Protein backbone atom coordinates (compact mmCIF):
# COMPACT_ATOMS: atom_id res chain seq x y z
CA UNK A 1 -5.46 -1.68 -19.53
CA UNK A 2 -7.55 0.35 -21.95
CA UNK A 3 -5.72 2.33 -24.59
CA UNK A 4 -5.12 5.91 -23.47
CA UNK A 5 -5.82 5.22 -19.79
CA UNK A 6 -3.12 5.71 -17.20
CA UNK A 7 -1.97 2.49 -15.52
CA UNK A 8 -3.38 1.70 -12.11
CA UNK A 9 -1.06 2.02 -9.13
CA UNK A 10 -0.24 -0.60 -6.53
CA UNK A 11 -0.66 0.98 -3.08
CA UNK A 12 1.58 -1.65 -1.49
CA UNK A 13 4.60 -1.39 -3.75
CA UNK A 14 8.30 -1.91 -3.27
CA UNK A 15 10.74 0.98 -3.78
CA UNK A 16 12.38 -0.64 -6.82
CA UNK A 17 9.18 -1.03 -8.83
CA UNK A 18 8.47 1.03 -11.96
CA UNK A 19 7.33 4.59 -11.14
CA UNK A 20 7.68 3.98 -7.38
CA UNK A 21 7.01 6.97 -5.14
CA UNK A 22 6.35 7.56 -1.48
CA UNK A 23 2.75 8.44 -0.71
CA UNK A 24 2.62 7.77 3.04
CA UNK A 25 4.79 7.51 6.15
CA UNK A 26 4.44 4.68 8.65
CA UNK A 27 3.31 5.97 12.04
CA UNK A 28 1.40 4.51 14.98
CA UNK A 29 2.95 1.80 17.11
CA UNK A 30 4.40 -1.63 16.30
CA UNK A 31 1.21 -3.15 17.76
CA UNK A 32 -1.11 -0.83 15.80
CA UNK A 33 0.72 0.63 12.80
CA UNK A 34 -1.01 3.43 10.89
CA UNK A 35 0.13 5.34 7.88
CA UNK A 36 0.01 9.10 7.55
CA UNK A 37 -0.77 10.09 3.98
CA UNK A 38 1.35 12.77 2.36
CA UNK A 39 -0.28 15.64 0.47
CA UNK A 40 2.08 15.11 -2.48
CA UNK A 41 4.53 12.46 -3.58
CA UNK A 42 7.94 12.58 -1.95
CA UNK A 43 11.29 11.74 -3.44
CA UNK A 44 13.50 9.70 -1.13
CA UNK A 45 17.00 11.15 -1.20
CA UNK A 46 20.29 9.59 -0.15
CA UNK A 47 20.32 11.94 2.86
CA UNK A 48 16.93 10.65 3.94
CA UNK A 49 18.13 7.07 3.58
CA UNK A 50 21.15 7.80 5.79
CA UNK A 51 18.78 9.24 8.39
CA UNK A 52 16.82 5.99 8.64
CA UNK A 53 19.44 4.68 11.07
CA UNK A 54 19.51 1.15 9.66
CA UNK A 55 15.77 0.80 9.02
CA UNK A 56 14.60 -0.41 5.64
CA UNK A 57 12.76 2.21 3.55
CA UNK A 58 9.65 0.00 3.61
CA UNK A 59 9.64 0.18 7.43
CA UNK A 60 9.30 3.96 7.23
CA UNK A 61 7.53 4.70 3.95
CA UNK A 62 4.57 3.31 2.01
CA UNK A 63 5.20 3.26 -1.73
CA UNK A 64 2.91 3.24 -4.70
CA UNK A 65 4.06 2.13 -8.14
CA UNK A 66 2.70 0.99 -11.45
CA UNK A 67 0.77 -2.24 -10.84
CA UNK A 68 2.73 -5.14 -12.29
CA UNK A 69 -0.44 -7.15 -12.85
CA UNK A 70 0.37 -10.75 -13.83
CA UNK A 71 4.02 -10.33 -12.74
CA UNK A 72 2.81 -10.01 -9.12
CA UNK A 73 2.03 -12.97 -6.86
CA UNK A 74 -0.98 -11.02 -5.51
CA UNK A 75 -2.58 -10.60 -8.95
CA UNK A 76 -5.13 -13.33 -9.56
CA UNK A 77 -7.89 -13.71 -12.13
CA UNK A 78 -7.40 -10.16 -13.41
CA UNK A 79 -7.60 -8.51 -9.97
CA UNK A 80 -5.48 -7.74 -6.92
CA UNK A 81 -6.21 -10.50 -4.45
CA UNK A 82 -4.38 -8.55 -1.71
CA UNK A 83 -6.75 -5.61 -1.95
CA UNK A 84 -9.74 -7.95 -1.86
CA UNK A 85 -8.43 -9.82 1.22
CA UNK A 86 -7.79 -6.49 2.97
CA UNK A 87 -11.39 -5.45 2.34
CA UNK A 88 -12.79 -8.86 3.32
CA UNK A 89 -10.67 -9.74 6.35
CA UNK A 90 -9.46 -6.58 8.09
CA UNK A 91 -11.67 -4.31 10.18
CA UNK A 92 -12.09 -0.69 9.10
CA UNK A 93 -9.79 1.71 10.95
CA UNK A 94 -11.19 4.92 9.48
CA UNK A 95 -14.72 6.32 9.56
CA UNK A 96 -14.32 8.35 6.37
CA UNK A 97 -12.13 7.91 3.32
CA UNK A 98 -8.63 9.13 4.19
CA UNK A 99 -7.16 11.98 2.19
CA UNK A 100 -5.07 10.06 -0.30
CA UNK A 101 -3.19 11.42 -3.29
CA UNK A 102 -3.29 8.16 -5.26
CA UNK A 103 -6.99 7.25 -4.90
CA UNK A 104 -7.80 8.36 -8.47
CA UNK A 105 -5.39 5.74 -9.85
CA UNK A 106 -5.25 3.18 -7.01
CA UNK A 107 -5.95 -0.41 -8.06
CA UNK A 108 -7.60 -1.24 -4.71
CA UNK A 109 -9.98 1.71 -5.00
CA UNK A 110 -10.71 0.97 -8.67
CA UNK A 111 -11.56 -2.66 -7.91
CA UNK A 112 -13.09 -2.53 -4.43
CA UNK A 113 -13.98 1.08 -3.76
CA UNK A 114 -14.02 2.80 -0.39
CA UNK A 115 -14.05 -0.45 1.61
CA UNK A 116 -10.34 -0.81 0.83
CA UNK A 117 -9.65 2.83 1.75
CA UNK A 118 -11.21 2.44 5.22
CA UNK A 119 -8.74 -0.36 5.95
CA UNK A 120 -5.70 0.97 4.08
CA UNK A 121 -4.24 3.06 6.95
CA UNK A 122 -3.32 -0.14 8.85
CA UNK A 123 -1.49 -1.71 5.91
CA UNK A 124 2.29 -1.61 6.12
CA UNK A 125 4.79 -3.23 3.77
CA UNK A 126 6.81 -4.99 6.47
CA UNK A 127 4.31 -6.40 8.94
CA UNK A 128 5.54 -6.21 12.56
CA UNK A 129 5.67 -9.33 14.73
CA UNK A 130 2.43 -9.89 16.58
CA UNK A 131 0.27 -8.74 13.67
CA UNK A 132 -1.17 -12.17 12.86
CA UNK A 133 -4.25 -10.95 10.99
CA UNK A 134 -2.23 -8.58 8.82
CA UNK A 135 0.35 -11.29 8.14
CA UNK A 136 -2.39 -13.74 7.06
CA UNK A 137 -3.94 -11.17 4.75
CA UNK A 138 -0.55 -10.49 3.13
CA UNK A 139 0.02 -14.09 2.01
CA UNK A 140 -0.83 -14.62 -1.69
CA UNK A 141 -3.72 -17.01 -2.26
CA UNK A 142 -3.58 -17.48 -6.02
C-alpha cells in the first residue's frame, strides 16, 4: 500500500476482521441469492444478533473489512484471486454498476473494475447448497 493511501477493503470479509462493517444484506432466494446494498455502513448490535434466530451473521449480512493481503488464502501474486475468479467465471447479474458504498476503496473494483461489480450482487459469504459455480469460484487457487 502506498504511503498516505487508505487501505483497500475486502468485499467478502468475515465479521471478526479488522475494521469489519456491514455494507449489504443477503436477499433473494437460496437458489439465487442476491445482496441488497445499504446506503451507509451498519453496526450490528447484540439485539440484531438475537433477532437472527440462530442464523450466522454471514448468512444475513455481507461484510467489508480491511484487506488482509498476504494473510488471506485468496491473496495471490499481489492480487485478490477471488475477485478475479468472480469476474472470470460468474455471469453478470446486473446491467449497471450497483450503488455501493465501498466501491471507492474496494479491492475487487480497484483491481478488476466494473466487471467485478456486475457480478458482486450474487456473492454471499456462506454459499447455499446447490450453488456449484459459486462454490467453485470461492475455493482458493493459490
